Amino acid sequence: MRRKIAQIDAESLNSRSRAVFDPPMREFLRKYFDGTIENVSKFHQWRTYLYTSVLGFPPEPLTIKDWPEEIPQSQAA
């Protein structure tokens, strides 16, 4: 079950399902709405908290392919 959840989560996060992980949408929001992406640096911590609180186990490590280049993709909690 954990393996299937990890697979679904990885597919979802790497399919540009969130604006911050979709480069064209990210740049559009920055250009026209002066949007920031600094909160993405806490994404993996939030993901760990969510998994632990809801599912009762930590998430599998994941690398998001369209992560913003200017923010390190640290998975340290």
PDB file of N, CA and C in Angstrom:
ATOM      1  N   MET A   1       0.824  -1.186   0.000  1.00  0.00           N
ATOM      2  CA  MET A   1       0.000   0.000   0.000  1.00  0.00           C
ATOM      3  C   MET A   1       0.873   1.257   0.000  1.00  0.00           C
ATOM      4  N   ARG A   2       1.935   1.248   0.829  1.00  0.00           N
ATOM      5  CA  ARG A   2       2.821   2.419   0.867  1.00  0.00           C
ATOM      6  C   ARG A   2       3.476   2.682  -0.479  1.00  0.00           C
ATOM      7  N   ARG A   3       3.862   1.608  -1.155  1.00  0.00           N
ATOM      8  CA  ARG A   3       4.504   1.748  -2.463  1.00  0.00           C
ATOM      9  C   ARG A   3       3.550   2.380  -3.475  1.00  0.00           C
ATOM     10  N   LYS A   4       2.290   1.985  -3.447  1.00  0.00           N
ATOM     11  CA  LYS A   4       1.300   2.549  -4.372  1.00  0.00           C
ATOM     12  C   LYS A   4       1.039   4.026  -4.059  1.00  0.00           C
ATOM     13  N   ILE A   5       0.952   4.368  -2.782  1.00  0.00           N
ATOM     14  CA  ILE A   5       0.765   5.770  -2.394  1.00  0.00           C
ATOM     15  C   ILE A   5       1.949   6.600  -2.872  1.00  0.00           C
ATOM     16  N   ALA A   6       3.171   6.095  -2.689  1.00  0.00           N
ATOM     17  CA  ALA A   6       4.373   6.802  -3.132  1.00  0.00           C
ATOM     18  C   ALA A   6       4.373   6.994  -4.644  1.00  0.00           C
ATOM     19  N   GLN A   7       3.932   5.975  -5.377  1.00  0.00           N
ATOM     20  CA  GLN A   7       3.881   6.057  -6.834  1.00  0.00           C
ATOM     21  C   GLN A   7       2.876   7.128  -7.278  1.00  0.00           C
ATOM     22  N   ILE A   8       1.699   7.124  -6.694  1.00  0.00           N
ATOM     23  CA  ILE A   8       0.662   8.107  -7.047  1.00  0.00           C
ATOM     24  C   ILE A   8       1.137   9.515  -6.696  1.00  0.00           C
ATOM     25  N   ASP A   9       1.746   9.676  -5.525  1.00  0.00           N
ATOM     26  CA  ASP A   9       2.243  10.975  -5.090  1.00  0.00           C
ATOM     27  C   ASP A   9       3.316  11.487  -6.055  1.00  0.00           C
ATOM     28  N   ALA A  10       4.263  10.653  -6.423  1.00  0.00           N
ATOM     29  CA  ALA A  10       5.337  11.048  -7.342  1.00  0.00           C
ATOM     30  C   ALA A  10       4.772  11.444  -8.706  1.00  0.00           C
ATOM     31  N   GLU A  11       3.841  10.659  -9.222  1.00  0.00           N
ATOM     32  CA  GLU A  11       3.228  10.982 -10.515  1.00  0.00           C
ATOM     33  C   GLU A  11       2.499  12.319 -10.454  1.00  0.00           C
ATOM     34  N   SER A  12       1.778  12.553  -9.378  1.00  0.00           N
ATOM     35  CA  SER A  12       1.039  13.799  -9.217  1.00  0.00           C
ATOM     36  C   SER A  12       1.970  15.001  -9.141  1.00  0.00           C
ATOM     37  N   LEU A  13       2.999  14.912  -8.310  1.00  0.00           N
ATOM     38  CA  LEU A  13       3.905  16.040  -8.129  1.00  0.00           C
ATOM     39  C   LEU A  13       4.766  16.305  -9.359  1.00  0.00           C
ATOM     40  N   ASN A  14       5.006  15.303 -10.183  1.00  0.00           N
ATOM     41  CA  ASN A  14       5.807  15.494 -11.386  1.00  0.00           C
ATOM     42  C   ASN A  14       4.980  15.711 -12.644  1.00  0.00           C
ATOM     43  N   SER A  15       3.676  15.909 -12.496  1.00  0.00           N
ATOM     44  CA  SER A  15       2.830  16.170 -13.662  1.00  0.00           C
ATOM     45  C   SER A  15       2.415  17.637 -13.734  1.00  0.00           C
ATOM     46  N   ARG A  16       3.161  18.479 -13.013  1.00  0.00           N
ATOM     47  CA  ARG A  16       2.903  19.924 -12.989  1.00  0.00           C
ATOM     48  C   ARG A  16       1.515  20.241 -12.453  1.00  0.00           C
ATOM     49  N   SER A  17       1.069  19.476 -11.485  1.00  0.00           N
ATOM     50  CA  SER A  17      -0.277  19.659 -10.940  1.00  0.00           C
ATOM     51  C   SER A  17      -0.380  20.858 -10.003  1.00  0.00           C
ATOM     52  N   ARG A  18       0.743  21.439  -9.627  1.00  0.00           N
ATOM     53  CA  ARG A  18       0.742  22.627  -8.773  1.00  0.00           C
ATOM     54  C   ARG A  18       1.452  23.748  -9.514  1.00  0.00           C
ATOM     55  N   ALA A  19       0.929  24.956  -9.399  1.00  0.00           N
ATOM     56  CA  ALA A  19       1.467  26.099 -10.159  1.00  0.00           C
ATOM     57  C   ALA A  19       2.962  26.289  -9.939  1.00  0.00           C
ATOM     58  N   VAL A  20       3.425  26.081  -8.731  1.00  0.00           N
ATOM     59  CA  VAL A  20       4.845  26.300  -8.450  1.00  0.00           C
ATOM     60  C   VAL A  20       5.741  25.272  -9.140  1.00  0.00           C
ATOM     61  N   PHE A  21       5.212  24.125  -9.495  1.00  0.00           N
ATOM     62  CA  PHE A  21       5.982  23.092 -10.191  1.00  0.00           C
ATOM     63  C   PHE A  21       5.709  23.072 -11.698  1.00  0.00           C
ATOM     64  N   ASP A  22       5.017  24.069 -12.205  1.00  0.00           N
ATOM     65  CA  ASP A  22       4.737  24.208 -13.631  1.00  0.00           C
ATOM     66  C   ASP A  22       5.459  25.470 -14.111  1.00  0.00           C
ATOM     67  N   PRO A  23       6.634  25.331 -14.740  1.00  0.00           N
ATOM     68  CA  PRO A  23       7.437  26.509 -15.087  1.00  0.00           C
ATOM     69  C   PRO A  23       6.683  27.624 -15.831  1.00  0.00           C
ATOM     70  N   PRO A  24       5.895  27.339 -16.876  1.00  0.00           N
ATOM     71  CA  PRO A  24       5.182  28.442 -17.533  1.00  0.00           C
ATOM     72  C   PRO A  24       4.189  29.154 -16.609  1.00  0.00           C
ATOM     73  N   MET A  25       3.456  28.409 -15.806  1.00  0.00           N
ATOM     74  CA  MET A  25       2.502  29.023 -14.881  1.00  0.00           C
ATOM     75  C   MET A  25       3.243  29.813 -13.803  1.00  0.00           C
ATOM     76  N   ARG A  26       4.333  29.254 -13.311  1.00  0.00           N
ATOM     77  CA  ARG A  26       5.135  29.924 -12.287  1.00  0.00           C
ATOM     78  C   ARG A  26       5.632  31.273 -12.793  1.00  0.00           C
ATOM     79  N   GLU A  27       6.161  31.299 -14.015  1.00  0.00           N
ATOM     80  CA  GLU A  27       6.665  32.556 -14.580  1.00  0.00           C
ATOM     81  C   GLU A  27       5.531  33.540 -14.864  1.00  0.00           C
ATOM     82  N   PHE A  28       4.383  33.052 -15.299  1.00  0.00           N
ATOM     83  CA  PHE A  28       3.218  33.915 -15.519  1.00  0.00           C
ATOM     84  C   PHE A  28       2.815  34.593 -14.215  1.00  0.00           C
ATOM     85  N   LEU A  29       2.729  33.831 -13.139  1.00  0.00           N
ATOM     86  CA  LEU A  29       2.337  34.395 -11.848  1.00  0.00           C
ATOM     87  C   LEU A  29       3.371  35.396 -11.335  1.00  0.00           C
ATOM     88  N   ARG A  30       4.634  35.129 -11.585  1.00  0.00           N
ATOM     89  CA  ARG A  30       5.684  36.070 -11.185  1.00  0.00           C
ATOM     90  C   ARG A  30       5.599  37.362 -11.988  1.00  0.00           C
ATOM     91  N   LYS A  31       5.418  37.219 -13.285  1.00  0.00           N
ATOM     92  CA  LYS A  31       5.443  38.377 -14.179  1.00  0.00           C
ATOM     93  C   LYS A  31       4.225  39.280 -14.002  1.00  0.00           C
ATOM     94  N   TYR A  32       3.045  38.696 -13.974  1.00  0.00           N
ATOM     95  CA  TYR A  32       1.826  39.501 -13.972  1.00  0.00           C
ATOM     96  C   TYR A  32       1.218  39.737 -12.591  1.00  0.00           C
ATOM     97  N   PHE A  33       1.572  38.931 -11.612  1.00  0.00           N
ATOM     98  CA  PHE A  33       0.988  39.082 -10.284  1.00  0.00           C
ATOM     99  C   PHE A  33       2.037  39.254  -9.189  1.00  0.00           C
ATOM    100  N   ASP A  34       3.301  39.401  -9.595  1.00  0.00           N
ATOM    101  CA  ASP A  34       4.396  39.570  -8.654  1.00  0.00           C
ATOM    102  C   ASP A  34       4.376  38.476  -7.585  1.00  0.00           C
ATOM    103  N   GLY A  35       4.062  37.262  -8.007  1.00  0.00           N
ATOM    104  CA  GLY A  35       3.978  36.124  -7.087  1.00  0.00           C
ATOM    105  C   GLY A  35       5.355  35.687  -6.607  1.00  0.00           C
ATOM    106  N   THR A  36       5.414  35.205  -5.381  1.00  0.00           N
ATOM    107  CA  THR A  36       6.667  34.689  -4.848  1.00  0.00           C
ATOM    108  C   THR A  36       6.570  33.166  -4.710  1.00  0.00           C
ATOM    109  N   ILE A  37       7.713  32.542  -4.656  1.00  0.00           N
ATOM    110  CA  ILE A  37       7.745  31.084  -4.491  1.00  0.00           C
ATOM    111  C   ILE A  37       8.602  30.681  -3.311  1.00  0.00           C
ATOM    112  N   GLU A  38       8.920  31.635  -2.445  1.00  0.00           N
ATOM    113  CA  GLU A  38       9.811  31.337  -1.322  1.00  0.00           C
ATOM    114  C   GLU A  38       9.251  30.278  -0.375  1.00  0.00           C
ATOM    115  N   ASN A  39       7.928  30.152  -0.300  1.00  0.00           N
ATOM    116  CA  ASN A  39       7.333  29.148   0.593  1.00  0.00           C
ATOM    117  C   ASN A  39       7.555  27.720   0.098  1.00  0.00           C
ATOM    118  N   VAL A  40       7.961  27.541  -1.140  1.00  0.00           N
ATOM    119  CA  VAL A  40       8.206  26.189  -1.664  1.00  0.00           C
ATOM    120  C   VAL A  40       9.376  25.519  -0.940  1.00  0.00           C
ATOM    121  N   SER A  41      10.234  26.313  -0.316  1.00  0.00           N
ATOM    122  CA  SER A  41      11.367  25.733   0.418  1.00  0.00           C
ATOM    123  C   SER A  41      10.897  24.878   1.597  1.00  0.00           C
ATOM    124  N   LYS A  42       9.687  25.076   2.062  1.00  0.00           N
ATOM    125  CA  LYS A  42       9.125  24.297   3.183  1.00  0.00           C
ATOM    126  C   LYS A  42       8.249  23.136   2.693  1.00  0.00           C
ATOM    127  N   PHE A  43       8.168  22.932   1.386  1.00  0.00           N
ATOM    128  CA  PHE A  43       7.259  21.931   0.836  1.00  0.00           C
ATOM    129  C   PHE A  43       7.512  20.529   1.385  1.00  0.00           C
ATOM    130  N   HIS A  44       8.757  20.083   1.404  1.00  0.00           N
ATOM    131  CA  HIS A  44       9.046  18.721   1.859  1.00  0.00           C
ATOM    132  C   HIS A  44       8.755  18.552   3.352  1.00  0.00           C
ATOM    133  N   GLN A  45       8.975  19.610   4.141  1.00  0.00           N
ATOM    134  CA  GLN A  45       8.627  19.547   5.561  1.00  0.00           C
ATOM    135  C   GLN A  45       7.111  19.413   5.726  1.00  0.00           C
ATOM    136  N   TRP A  46       6.373  20.201   4.955  1.00  0.00           N
ATOM    137  CA  TRP A  46       4.910  20.136   5.010  1.00  0.00           C
ATOM    138  C   TRP A  46       4.427  18.757   4.575  1.00  0.00           C
ATOM    139  N   ARG A  47       5.033  18.213   3.528  1.00  0.00           N
ATOM    140  CA  ARG A  47       4.660  16.890   3.019  1.00  0.00           C
ATOM    141  C   ARG A  47       4.909  15.812   4.083  1.00  0.00           C
ATOM    142  N   THR A  48       6.034  15.903   4.770  1.00  0.00           N
ATOM    143  CA  THR A  48       6.339  14.954   5.844  1.00  0.00           C
ATOM    144  C   THR A  48       5.320  15.073   6.972  1.00  0.00           C
ATOM    145  N   TYR A  49       4.991  16.292   7.354  1.00  0.00           N
ATOM    146  CA  TYR A  49       3.994  16.517   8.405  1.00  0.00           C
ATOM    147  C   TYR A  49       2.643  15.922   7.994  1.00  0.00           C
ATOM    148  N   LEU A  50       2.237  16.174   6.767  1.00  0.00           N
ATOM    149  CA  LEU A  50       0.948  15.682   6.277  1.00  0.00           C
ATOM    150  C   LEU A  50       0.902  14.153   6.276  1.00  0.00           C
ATOM    151  N   TYR A  51       1.914  13.527   5.732  1.00  0.00           N
ATOM    152  CA  TYR A  51       1.963  12.057   5.712  1.00  0.00           C
ATOM    153  C   TYR A  51       1.894  11.481   7.124  1.00  0.00           C
ATOM    154  N   THR A  52       2.740  12.032   8.006  1.00  0.00           N
ATOM    155  CA  THR A  52       2.816  11.511   9.374  1.00  0.00           C
ATOM    156  C   THR A  52       1.496  11.711  10.110  1.00  0.00           C
ATOM    157  N   SER A  53       0.885  12.868   9.946  1.00  0.00           N
ATOM    158  CA  SER A  53      -0.360  13.168  10.653  1.00  0.00           C
ATOM    159  C   SER A  53      -1.555  12.387  10.111  1.00  0.00           C
ATOM    160  N   VAL A  54      -1.635  12.263   8.811  1.00  0.00           N
ATOM    161  CA  VAL A  54      -2.809  11.637   8.187  1.00  0.00           C
ATOM    162  C   VAL A  54      -2.629  10.133   7.996  1.00  0.00           C
ATOM    163  N   LEU A  55      -1.490   9.726   7.454  1.00  0.00           N
ATOM    164  CA  LEU A  55      -1.284   8.320   7.122  1.00  0.00           C
ATOM    165  C   LEU A  55      -0.557   7.538   8.216  1.00  0.00           C
ATOM    166  N   GLY A  56       0.169   8.249   9.077  1.00  0.00           N
ATOM    167  CA  GLY A  56       0.858   7.589  10.175  1.00  0.00           C
ATOM    168  C   GLY A  56       2.232   7.052   9.831  1.00  0.00           C
ATOM    169  N   PHE A  57       2.755   7.401   8.663  1.00  0.00           N
ATOM    170  CA  PHE A  57       4.113   6.998   8.291  1.00  0.00           C
ATOM    171  C   PHE A  57       4.730   8.095   7.428  1.00  0.00           C
ATOM    172  N   PRO A  58       6.068   8.176   7.394  1.00  0.00           N
ATOM    173  CA  PRO A  58       6.726   9.224   6.609  1.00  0.00           C
ATOM    174  C   PRO A  58       6.664   8.923   5.106  1.00  0.00           C
ATOM    175  N   PRO A  59       6.753   9.972   4.282  1.00  0.00           N
ATOM    176  CA  PRO A  59       6.726   9.762   2.827  1.00  0.00           C
ATOM    177  C   PRO A  59       8.047   9.208   2.314  1.00  0.00           C
ATOM    178  N   GLU A  60       7.988   8.601   1.150  1.00  0.00           N
ATOM    179  CA  GLU A  60       9.197   8.157   0.462  1.00  0.00           C
ATOM    180  C   GLU A  60       9.920   9.395  -0.071  1.00  0.00           C
ATOM    181  N   PRO A  61      11.252   9.384  -0.111  1.00  0.00           N
ATOM    182  CA  PRO A  61      11.978  10.518  -0.701  1.00  0.00           C
ATOM    183  C   PRO A  61      11.548  10.719  -2.151  1.00  0.00           C
ATOM    184  N   LEU A  62      11.514  11.964  -2.568  1.00  0.00           N
ATOM    185  CA  LEU A  62      11.013  12.297  -3.897  1.00  0.00           C
ATOM    186  C   LEU A  62      11.776  13.484  -4.448  1.00  0.00           C
ATOM    187  N   THR A  63      12.129  13.428  -5.718  1.00  0.00           N
ATOM    188  CA  THR A  63      12.729  14.568  -6.403  1.00  0.00           C
ATOM    189  C   THR A  63      11.715  15.062  -7.414  1.00  0.00           C
ATOM    190  N   ILE A  64      11.364  16.328  -7.301  1.00  0.00           N
ATOM    191  CA  ILE A  64      10.384  16.923  -8.210  1.00  0.00           C
ATOM    192  C   ILE A  64      11.151  17.537  -9.372  1.00  0.00           C
ATOM    193  N   LYS A  65      10.857  17.082 -10.583  1.00  0.00           N
ATOM    194  CA  LYS A  65      11.672  17.446 -11.746  1.00  0.00           C
ATOM    195  C   LYS A  65      11.555  18.914 -12.141  1.00  0.00           C
ATOM    196  N   ASP A  66      10.437  19.568 -11.898  1.00  0.00           N
ATOM    197  CA  ASP A  66      10.272  20.979 -12.266  1.00  0.00           C
ATOM    198  C   ASP A  66      10.357  21.907 -11.058  1.00  0.00           C
ATOM    199  N   TRP A  67      11.170  21.520 -10.089  1.00  0.00           N
ATOM    200  CA  TRP A  67      11.387  22.333  -8.888  1.00  0.00           C
ATOM    201  C   TRP A  67      12.061  23.644  -9.308  1.00  0.00           C
ATOM    202  N   PRO A  68      11.706  24.777  -8.700  1.00  0.00           N
ATOM    203  CA  PRO A  68      12.366  26.052  -9.039  1.00  0.00           C
ATOM    204  C   PRO A  68      13.876  25.971  -8.780  1.00  0.00           C
ATOM    205  N   GLU A  69      14.664  26.337  -9.780  1.00  0.00           N
ATOM    206  CA  GLU A  69      16.120  26.195  -9.690  1.00  0.00           C
ATOM    207  C   GLU A  69      16.747  27.037  -8.585  1.00  0.00           C
ATOM    208  N   GLU A  70      16.160  28.184  -8.292  1.00  0.00           N
ATOM    209  CA  GLU A  70      16.767  29.087  -7.310  1.00  0.00           C
ATOM    210  C   GLU A  70      16.558  28.677  -5.854  1.00  0.00           C
ATOM    211  N   ILE A  71      15.776  27.651  -5.620  1.00  0.00           N
ATOM    212  CA  ILE A  71      15.517  27.158  -4.259  1.00  0.00           C
ATOM    213  C   ILE A  71      16.001  25.718  -4.159  1.00  0.00           C
ATOM    214  N   PRO A  72      16.905  25.433  -3.210  1.00  0.00           N
ATOM    215  CA  PRO A  72      17.396  24.056  -3.065  1.00  0.00           C
ATOM    216  C   PRO A  72      16.258  23.092  -2.719  1.00  0.00           C
ATOM    217  N   GLN A  73      16.300  21.912  -3.277  1.00  0.00           N
ATOM    218  CA  GLN A  73      15.257  20.918  -3.042  1.00  0.00           C
ATOM    219  C   GLN A  73      15.671  20.006  -1.894  1.00  0.00           C
ATOM    220  N   SER A  74      15.821  20.570  -0.721  1.00  0.00           N
ATOM    221  CA  SER A  74      16.218  19.806   0.458  1.00  0.00           C
ATOM    222  C   SER A  74      15.021  19.049   1.010  1.00  0.00           C
ATOM    223  N   GLN A  75      15.241  17.790   1.371  1.00  0.00           N
ATOM    224  CA  GLN A  75      14.168  16.987   1.954  1.00  0.00           C
ATOM    225  C   GLN A  75      14.393  16.774   3.439  1.00  0.00           C
ATOM    226  N   ALA A  76      15.346  17.496   4.013  1.00  0.00           N
ATOM    227  CA  ALA A  76      15.613  17.374   5.443  1.00  0.00           C
ATOM    228  C   ALA A  76      14.459  17.991   6.227  1.00  0.00           C
ATOM    229  N   ALA A  77      13.984  17.285   7.219  1.00  0.00           N
ATOM    230  CA  ALA A  77      12.851  17.782   8.004  1.00  0.00           C
ATOM    231  C   ALA A  77      13.302  18.704   9.106  1.00  0.00           C
TER     232      ALA A  77
END
